[in-house]
Every structure is written in structure tokens, then in C-alpha cells.
Amino acid sequence: MGFLMKFIADVMLGRLAKRLRLLGFDVLNDHTLDDNEIIRLSLEEGRVILTRDKGLAARPLASHNIFVKSDNVREQLEQVLADFPPDATTAPLTRCSACNQPLTEAPKTEIRDSVPGYVYNKYDVFLRCTSCSRVYWRGTHVSRMAKEGIVRK
């Protein structure tokens, strides 16, 4: 089993952070953090900095970074996954895409009012964020990511 890869994404990479979280990666992305705070958290928590900011990437204390080359979120995701492919420590739908907290299984009866009726009728397994209570299910997006080879289903 590998080790848990953790990231911190700068303000320009919110969509990438969300996609990585859906894949199971721990990604901090707080729009209130300045460059110094991003570097501090990276060093304190062992997080790889994801940035599109050449100035941030060039700072000596920020040497543990990936400079993300593209503006396209799909290309950004491909670049990060080329260096850090999902492994045994990552699995889709284990972290909240909105707040990065762990997801836990939620009894179907408890989420009836939180999802559209057709979703409630079609799926039996639901997950809920331990922090913000957002509800998730293994819909077509997970199948699509598996088909594209991005995740294990």
C-alpha cells in the first residue's frame, strides 16, 4: 500500500482541486490563503503545492510543487495524475468535493429529501460528507472516470 498523497492548490486551481477530491485525494483549496500561508501549510502538513503561479513555484520554500501548465482542467488533471496516479490509498467518492472532508455511508432512508426522486429510486448506496452533509452517489460520472482509466470502479 502506498502513502496518502496530500495537496494544497492555489486560488487558480479550484476546479482541479474538486476533481482530485472526487478521485479521493486530500486537497486543500482555500481562497483566503496567501502564498506564504500556502507554503507554511505545505511544509507543516507535507502537502505538494499545485500552482499556476510562476512566482510561487519559484520560491525556494515552495520547491515541493507541481507547476500546472494548462488552463484546461482535463489537461491539469492528466498532468497531476501522470506524477501521482491513484493507488491503493485513493478511491473515488471518499472525500467531499466541496470541503475536502471524509465521506461516510448514509442510510438511504435518511437522504430521501436530499436527492432528486429519480436518483433515490435508482441508487441504493449513498455517501454523506461528515462536515457539510453534502450527499454523493456512484452515478455515471464514476463509471465514466473508470472507463477513461482515471479510477478503479
Protein backbone atom coordinates (compact mmCIF):
# COMPACT_ATOMS: atom_id res chain seq x y z
CA MET A 1 0.00 0.00 0.00
CA GLY A 2 1.25 3.49 -0.84
CA PHE A 3 1.24 6.61 1.27
CA LEU A 4 -1.51 9.19 1.33
CA MET A 5 -0.63 11.97 -1.10
CA LYS A 6 -1.82 15.37 0.07
CA PHE A 7 -2.00 18.55 -1.97
CA ILE A 8 -2.67 22.24 -1.48
CA ALA A 9 -3.99 24.08 -4.54
CA ASP A 10 -3.68 27.80 -5.09
CA VAL A 11 -6.65 30.04 -5.82
CA MET A 12 -6.38 29.47 -9.59
CA LEU A 13 -6.95 25.71 -9.34
CA GLY A 14 -10.32 25.31 -7.62
CA ARG A 15 -11.80 23.14 -10.38
CA LEU A 16 -8.74 20.88 -10.35
CA ALA A 17 -8.98 20.57 -6.55
CA LYS A 18 -12.62 19.48 -6.85
CA ARG A 19 -11.79 16.82 -9.45
CA LEU A 20 -8.88 15.46 -7.41
CA ARG A 21 -11.12 15.25 -4.34
CA LEU A 22 -13.67 13.24 -6.33
CA LEU A 23 -10.84 10.82 -7.08
CA GLY A 24 -10.06 10.51 -3.36
CA PHE A 25 -7.10 12.87 -2.98
CA ASP A 26 -6.80 15.16 0.07
CA VAL A 27 -6.65 18.66 -1.48
CA LEU A 28 -6.78 21.90 0.49
CA ASN A 29 -8.06 24.82 -1.56
CA ASP A 30 -8.89 27.90 0.45
CA HIS A 31 -9.29 31.15 -1.48
CA THR A 32 -8.34 33.17 1.60
CA LEU A 33 -4.80 31.74 1.80
CA ASP A 34 -1.95 33.89 0.50
CA ASP A 35 1.28 32.45 -0.89
CA ASN A 36 3.06 32.50 2.49
CA GLU A 37 0.22 30.56 4.12
CA ILE A 38 0.18 28.03 1.27
CA ILE A 39 3.92 27.46 1.73
CA ARG A 40 3.57 27.19 5.51
CA LEU A 41 0.77 24.60 5.26
CA SER A 42 2.68 22.69 2.59
CA LEU A 43 5.71 22.40 4.86
CA GLU A 44 3.76 21.70 8.08
CA GLU A 45 1.43 19.09 6.57
CA GLY A 46 3.65 17.56 3.88
CA ARG A 47 1.44 18.79 1.04
CA VAL A 48 2.53 19.17 -2.58
CA ILE A 49 1.68 22.65 -3.85
CA LEU A 50 -0.39 22.76 -7.04
CA THR A 51 0.01 26.16 -8.67
CA ARG A 52 -0.24 28.13 -11.90
CA ASP A 53 1.69 31.00 -10.30
CA LYS A 54 5.29 31.06 -11.59
CA GLY A 55 6.31 33.37 -8.74
CA LEU A 56 5.03 30.95 -6.11
CA ALA A 57 6.57 27.94 -7.87
CA ALA A 58 9.96 29.71 -7.99
CA ARG A 59 10.13 30.43 -4.24
CA PRO A 60 12.77 28.27 -2.52
CA LEU A 61 10.48 27.10 0.31
CA ALA A 62 7.84 26.10 -2.26
CA SER A 63 10.13 23.68 -4.08
CA HIS A 64 7.79 20.74 -3.43
CA ASN A 65 5.29 21.79 -6.12
CA ILE A 66 3.76 20.94 -9.43
CA PHE A 67 3.59 23.90 -11.77
CA VAL A 68 0.34 23.26 -13.64
CA LYS A 69 0.87 24.21 -17.26
CA SER A 70 -2.61 24.25 -18.77
CA ASP A 71 -5.73 26.35 -18.23
CA ASN A 72 -7.84 23.31 -19.22
CA VAL A 73 -8.99 21.32 -16.18
CA ARG A 74 -8.85 17.97 -18.03
CA GLU A 75 -5.24 18.62 -19.05
CA GLN A 76 -4.45 19.78 -15.50
CA LEU A 77 -5.86 16.54 -14.11
CA GLU A 78 -3.86 14.47 -16.60
CA GLN A 79 -0.66 16.31 -15.65
CA VAL A 80 -1.11 15.73 -11.90
CA LEU A 81 -2.17 12.09 -12.36
CA ALA A 82 0.90 11.43 -14.52
CA ASP A 83 3.06 12.24 -11.47
CA PHE A 84 0.68 10.94 -8.79
CA PRO A 85 -1.60 8.23 -10.17
CA PRO A 86 -4.39 6.96 -7.91
CA ASP A 87 -3.26 3.94 -5.92
CA ALA A 88 -4.47 1.77 -3.05
CA THR A 89 -4.74 4.83 -0.77
CA THR A 90 -7.15 6.67 -3.09
CA ALA A 91 -10.65 5.74 -4.14
CA PRO A 92 -13.39 7.77 -5.82
CA LEU A 93 -16.06 9.30 -3.62
CA THR A 94 -14.18 9.14 -0.35
CA ARG A 95 -13.78 12.91 0.11
CA CYS A 96 -16.23 15.77 -0.26
CA SER A 97 -15.57 17.68 -3.47
CA ALA A 98 -16.72 20.90 -1.79
CA CYS A 99 -14.95 20.88 1.59
CA ASN A 100 -12.41 18.01 1.40
CA GLN A 101 -13.75 16.14 4.45
CA PRO A 102 -14.25 12.35 4.51
CA LEU A 103 -17.47 10.79 3.27
CA THR A 104 -19.33 8.09 5.18
CA GLU A 105 -22.11 5.80 4.07
CA ALA A 106 -25.55 7.24 4.78
CA PRO A 107 -28.66 5.11 5.23
CA LYS A 108 -30.88 5.51 2.18
CA THR A 109 -33.87 6.42 4.32
CA GLU A 110 -32.00 9.41 5.78
CA ILE A 111 -31.24 11.07 2.45
CA ARG A 112 -34.69 10.86 0.80
CA ASP A 113 -35.19 14.64 0.94
CA SER A 114 -31.59 15.42 -0.08
CA VAL A 115 -31.56 13.93 -3.59
CA PRO A 116 -33.87 14.02 -6.62
CA GLY A 117 -36.55 11.31 -6.64
CA TYR A 118 -35.15 9.51 -9.70
CA VAL A 119 -31.71 9.31 -8.01
CA TYR A 120 -33.25 7.98 -4.80
CA ASN A 121 -35.11 5.30 -6.77
CA LYS A 122 -32.15 4.30 -8.96
CA TYR A 123 -29.35 4.01 -6.36
CA ASP A 124 -29.12 2.13 -3.08
CA VAL A 125 -25.79 3.37 -1.71
CA PHE A 126 -25.34 6.98 -0.70
CA LEU A 127 -22.47 8.82 0.96
CA ARG A 128 -22.61 11.95 3.09
CA CYS A 129 -19.92 14.47 3.99
CA THR A 130 -19.04 14.37 7.67
CA SER A 131 -18.76 18.17 7.71
CA CYS A 132 -21.16 19.87 5.27
CA SER A 133 -23.66 16.97 4.87
CA ARG A 134 -23.50 17.06 1.06
CA VAL A 135 -24.79 13.76 -0.42
CA TYR A 136 -23.00 11.67 -3.07
CA TRP A 137 -23.74 8.50 -5.03
CA ARG A 138 -21.86 6.43 -7.62
CA GLY A 139 -23.54 7.87 -10.67
CA THR A 140 -22.49 7.92 -14.29
CA HIS A 141 -19.52 10.21 -13.56
CA VAL A 142 -17.76 7.39 -11.64
CA SER A 143 -18.43 4.90 -14.47
CA ARG A 144 -17.13 7.44 -16.98
CA MET A 145 -13.92 8.02 -14.99
CA ALA A 146 -13.41 4.23 -14.74
CA LYS A 147 -13.95 3.82 -18.48
CA GLU A 148 -11.37 6.56 -19.13
CA GLY A 149 -8.91 4.73 -16.87
CA ILE A 150 -8.79 7.55 -14.32
CA VAL A 151 -10.15 5.50 -11.41
CA ARG A 152 -10.87 1.97 -10.33
CA LYS A 153 -14.60 1.40 -10.10
